[in-house]
């Protein structure tokens, strides 16, 4: 559902579903995180994206290059060059997305 909302430009609705998942302790996966980073990027809600990142750190989801690139993109699109640089500098491997941003 979150992916469908994001793909149709309904970022606020995607965030609402994610918040309901959190309130109801419904586990999320990497796909959910990628879509939430996309939704926060779409509407420039950097604080929300940072909150999701903080939650991601606490969860057993393995961060990989795809998640790191999505996080980097979110920070860049929200105008936080400092956070984007921090993510970039801590990436163990970099893909085209990371190098182009």
Protein backbone atom coordinates (compact mmCIF):
# COMPACT_ATOMS: atom_id res chain seq x y z
CA UNK A 1 0.00 0.00 0.00
CA UNK A 2 2.82 2.39 0.87
CA UNK A 3 4.51 1.72 -2.46
CA UNK A 4 1.27 2.38 -4.34
CA UNK A 5 0.83 5.70 -2.57
CA UNK A 6 4.42 6.75 -3.28
CA UNK A 7 4.16 5.71 -6.93
CA UNK A 8 1.03 7.84 -7.29
CA UNK A 9 2.54 10.92 -5.65
CA UNK A 10 0.58 10.51 -2.43
CA UNK A 11 3.51 10.88 -0.05
CA UNK A 12 1.44 12.09 2.90
CA UNK A 13 -0.79 9.02 2.65
CA UNK A 14 2.28 6.77 2.55
CA UNK A 15 3.61 8.42 5.70
CA UNK A 16 0.24 8.01 7.40
CA UNK A 17 0.26 4.26 6.71
CA UNK A 18 3.84 4.05 8.01
CA UNK A 19 2.86 5.91 11.18
CA UNK A 20 -0.06 3.51 11.68
CA UNK A 21 2.36 0.61 11.30
CA UNK A 22 4.58 2.09 14.00
CA UNK A 23 1.68 2.75 16.39
CA UNK A 24 0.40 -0.80 15.95
CA UNK A 25 3.90 -2.32 16.20
CA UNK A 26 3.65 -3.82 12.71
CA UNK A 27 7.14 -4.76 11.55
CA UNK A 28 8.51 -3.13 8.43
CA UNK A 29 11.12 -4.21 5.92
CA UNK A 30 13.70 -2.59 3.68
CA UNK A 31 11.12 -1.97 0.96
CA UNK A 32 9.01 0.03 3.39
CA UNK A 33 12.03 2.13 4.36
CA UNK A 34 12.94 2.83 0.74
CA UNK A 35 9.41 4.02 0.03
CA UNK A 36 9.29 6.18 3.14
CA UNK A 37 12.59 7.84 2.23
CA UNK A 38 11.10 8.52 -1.22
CA UNK A 39 7.96 10.01 0.29
CA UNK A 40 9.84 12.29 2.67
CA UNK A 41 12.01 13.41 -0.26
CA UNK A 42 8.95 14.19 -2.39
CA UNK A 43 7.50 16.60 0.12
CA UNK A 44 10.68 17.84 1.77
CA UNK A 45 9.98 16.47 5.24
CA UNK A 46 13.60 16.10 6.25
CA UNK A 47 12.83 15.75 9.96
CA UNK A 48 10.51 12.83 9.21
CA UNK A 49 13.19 11.20 7.07
CA UNK A 50 15.73 11.65 9.85
CA UNK A 51 13.30 10.07 12.33
CA UNK A 52 12.88 7.06 10.05
CA UNK A 53 16.66 6.79 9.78
CA UNK A 54 16.95 6.84 13.58
CA UNK A 55 14.40 4.02 13.78
CA UNK A 56 16.24 2.08 11.11
CA UNK A 57 19.40 2.17 13.21
CA UNK A 58 17.51 0.52 16.08
CA UNK A 59 15.90 -2.22 13.96
CA UNK A 60 17.42 -5.48 12.77
CA UNK A 61 17.12 -4.46 9.11
CA UNK A 62 20.49 -4.80 7.43
CA UNK A 63 21.51 -1.53 5.86
CA UNK A 64 22.82 -2.07 2.36
CA UNK A 65 23.90 0.08 -0.55
CA UNK A 66 20.31 0.49 -1.77
CA UNK A 67 19.11 1.78 1.60
CA UNK A 68 22.21 3.95 2.00
CA UNK A 69 21.70 5.44 -1.47
CA UNK A 70 18.03 6.14 -0.68
CA UNK A 71 19.08 7.81 2.57
CA UNK A 72 21.71 9.86 0.75
CA UNK A 73 19.15 10.89 -1.88
CA UNK A 74 16.61 11.85 0.78
CA UNK A 75 19.11 14.12 2.56
CA UNK A 76 20.23 15.69 -0.72
CA UNK A 77 16.69 16.32 -1.99
CA UNK A 78 15.72 17.83 1.35
CA UNK A 79 18.67 20.22 1.10
CA UNK A 80 20.81 18.82 3.89
CA UNK A 81 24.26 18.65 2.35
CA UNK A 82 25.89 18.02 5.74
CA UNK A 83 23.78 14.90 6.36
CA UNK A 84 24.26 13.74 2.76
CA UNK A 85 28.03 14.13 3.10
CA UNK A 86 27.99 12.19 6.38
CA UNK A 87 26.10 9.29 4.80
CA UNK A 88 28.40 9.36 1.75
CA UNK A 89 31.55 9.33 3.89
CA UNK A 90 30.36 6.30 5.87
CA UNK A 91 29.27 4.21 2.88
CA UNK A 92 31.43 1.11 2.56
CA UNK A 93 30.68 0.87 -1.14
CA UNK A 94 29.25 3.46 -3.49
CA UNK A 95 27.01 3.04 -6.49
CA UNK A 96 26.19 5.37 -9.37
CA UNK A 97 23.49 7.12 -7.33
CA UNK A 98 25.95 7.96 -4.57
CA UNK A 99 28.58 9.22 -6.97
CA UNK A 100 26.21 11.35 -9.06
CA UNK A 101 24.65 13.14 -6.11
